[in-house]
Amino acid sequence: MEESKKTPCRKKKYEKVGFELKLFIINQIHNGQISINHAAQKYDVSRSSIFYWIKKYSTLEQINTGMA
């Protein structure tokens, strides 16, 4: 009988995204220039990460635009 080795599922490796790029992506999404799905494909980031950034940084972004 042949033994077949099971290969583990490979997760997609993501690189760390800088703070400036996060704010830039969130700003584009809020202005309606780009959708979350398109941003995930364009910047090679998961959609769940973008949702997390929006939840975390959207109030910070609103404060910055209000003060400017």
C-alpha atoms as a PDB file:
ATOM      1  CA  MET A   1       0.000   0.000   0.000  1.00  0.00           C
ATOM      2  CA  GLU A   2       1.303   3.428  -0.887  1.00  0.00           C
ATOM      3  CA  GLU A   3       1.422   6.033   1.815  1.00  0.00           C
ATOM      4  CA  SER A   4       0.449   9.455   0.655  1.00  0.00           C
ATOM      5  CA  LYS A   5       1.632  12.349   2.725  1.00  0.00           C
ATOM      6  CA  LYS A   6      -0.959  14.969   3.389  1.00  0.00           C
ATOM      7  CA  THR A   7       0.206  18.468   2.669  1.00  0.00           C
ATOM      8  CA  PRO A   8      -1.155  21.149   4.959  1.00  0.00           C
ATOM      9  CA  CYS A   9      -3.275  23.925   3.562  1.00  0.00           C
ATOM     10  CA  ARG A  10      -1.194  26.886   2.636  1.00  0.00           C
ATOM     11  CA  LYS A  11      -2.442  30.184   3.902  1.00  0.00           C
ATOM     12  CA  LYS A  12      -1.820  33.221   1.812  1.00  0.00           C
ATOM     13  CA  LYS A  13       1.069  35.241   3.160  1.00  0.00           C
ATOM     14  CA  TYR A  14       0.322  38.918   3.620  1.00  0.00           C
ATOM     15  CA  GLU A  15       2.871  41.631   4.165  1.00  0.00           C
ATOM     16  CA  LYS A  16       2.370  44.250   6.830  1.00  0.00           C
ATOM     17  CA  VAL A  17       0.578  47.330   5.616  1.00  0.00           C
ATOM     18  CA  GLY A  18       1.725  50.733   6.800  1.00  0.00           C
ATOM     19  CA  PHE A  19      -0.492  53.153   8.691  1.00  0.00           C
ATOM     20  CA  GLU A  20      -0.484  55.706   5.842  1.00  0.00           C
ATOM     21  CA  LEU A  21      -1.669  53.105   3.327  1.00  0.00           C
ATOM     22  CA  LYS A  22      -4.416  51.956   5.690  1.00  0.00           C
ATOM     23  CA  LEU A  23      -5.749  55.500   5.998  1.00  0.00           C
ATOM     24  CA  PHE A  24      -5.454  55.987   2.234  1.00  0.00           C
ATOM     25  CA  ILE A  25      -7.497  52.840   1.533  1.00  0.00           C
ATOM     26  CA  ILE A  26     -10.132  53.800   4.127  1.00  0.00           C
ATOM     27  CA  ASN A  27     -10.343  57.296   2.661  1.00  0.00           C
ATOM     28  CA  GLN A  28     -10.884  55.935  -0.850  1.00  0.00           C
ATOM     29  CA  ILE A  29     -13.628  53.619   0.405  1.00  0.00           C
ATOM     30  CA  HIS A  30     -15.394  56.406   2.346  1.00  0.00           C
ATOM     31  CA  ASN A  31     -15.278  58.733  -0.674  1.00  0.00           C
ATOM     32  CA  GLY A  32     -16.794  56.038  -2.892  1.00  0.00           C
ATOM     33  CA  GLN A  33     -13.788  55.914  -5.196  1.00  0.00           C
ATOM     34  CA  ILE A  34     -13.236  52.198  -4.650  1.00  0.00           C
ATOM     35  CA  SER A  35     -15.141  49.253  -3.183  1.00  0.00           C
ATOM     36  CA  ILE A  36     -13.877  47.037  -0.396  1.00  0.00           C
ATOM     37  CA  ASN A  37     -13.646  44.049  -2.738  1.00  0.00           C
ATOM     38  CA  HIS A  38     -11.674  46.006  -5.323  1.00  0.00           C
ATOM     39  CA  ALA A  39      -9.377  47.470  -2.654  1.00  0.00           C
ATOM     40  CA  ALA A  40      -8.662  43.980  -1.319  1.00  0.00           C
ATOM     41  CA  GLN A  41      -7.636  42.803  -4.780  1.00  0.00           C
ATOM     42  CA  LYS A  42      -5.728  45.951  -5.713  1.00  0.00           C
ATOM     43  CA  TYR A  43      -3.645  46.212  -2.536  1.00  0.00           C
ATOM     44  CA  ASP A  44      -3.451  42.434  -1.897  1.00  0.00           C
ATOM     45  CA  VAL A  45      -5.103  42.662   1.519  1.00  0.00           C
ATOM     46  CA  SER A  46      -7.892  40.529   2.953  1.00  0.00           C
ATOM     47  CA  ARG A  47     -11.394  41.978   3.121  1.00  0.00           C
ATOM     48  CA  SER A  48     -11.645  41.158   6.807  1.00  0.00           C
ATOM     49  CA  SER A  49      -8.553  43.290   7.454  1.00  0.00           C
ATOM     50  CA  ILE A  50     -10.127  46.211   5.623  1.00  0.00           C
ATOM     51  CA  PHE A  51     -13.345  45.851   7.628  1.00  0.00           C
ATOM     52  CA  TYR A  52     -11.254  45.831  10.816  1.00  0.00           C
ATOM     53  CA  TRP A  53      -9.345  48.958   9.750  1.00  0.00           C
ATOM     54  CA  ILE A  54     -12.581  50.775   8.935  1.00  0.00           C
ATOM     55  CA  LYS A  55     -13.984  49.893  12.341  1.00  0.00           C
ATOM     56  CA  LYS A  56     -10.772  50.915  14.101  1.00  0.00           C
ATOM     57  CA  TYR A  57      -9.654  53.979  12.147  1.00  0.00           C
ATOM     58  CA  SER A  58     -12.822  55.495  10.682  1.00  0.00           C
ATOM     59  CA  THR A  59     -13.425  57.687  13.739  1.00  0.00           C
ATOM     60  CA  LEU A  60      -9.774  58.773  13.659  1.00  0.00           C
ATOM     61  CA  GLU A  61     -10.123  59.633   9.968  1.00  0.00           C
ATOM     62  CA  GLN A  62     -13.297  61.637  10.622  1.00  0.00           C
ATOM     63  CA  ILE A  63     -11.544  63.583  13.379  1.00  0.00           C
ATOM     64  CA  ASN A  64      -8.606  64.382  11.079  1.00  0.00           C
ATOM     65  CA  THR A  65     -10.844  65.613   8.241  1.00  0.00           C
ATOM     66  CA  GLY A  66     -12.914  67.664  10.678  1.00  0.00           C
ATOM     67  CA  MET A  67      -9.832  69.393  12.067  1.00  0.00           C
ATOM     68  CA  ALA A  68      -8.282  70.067   8.639  1.00  0.00           C
END
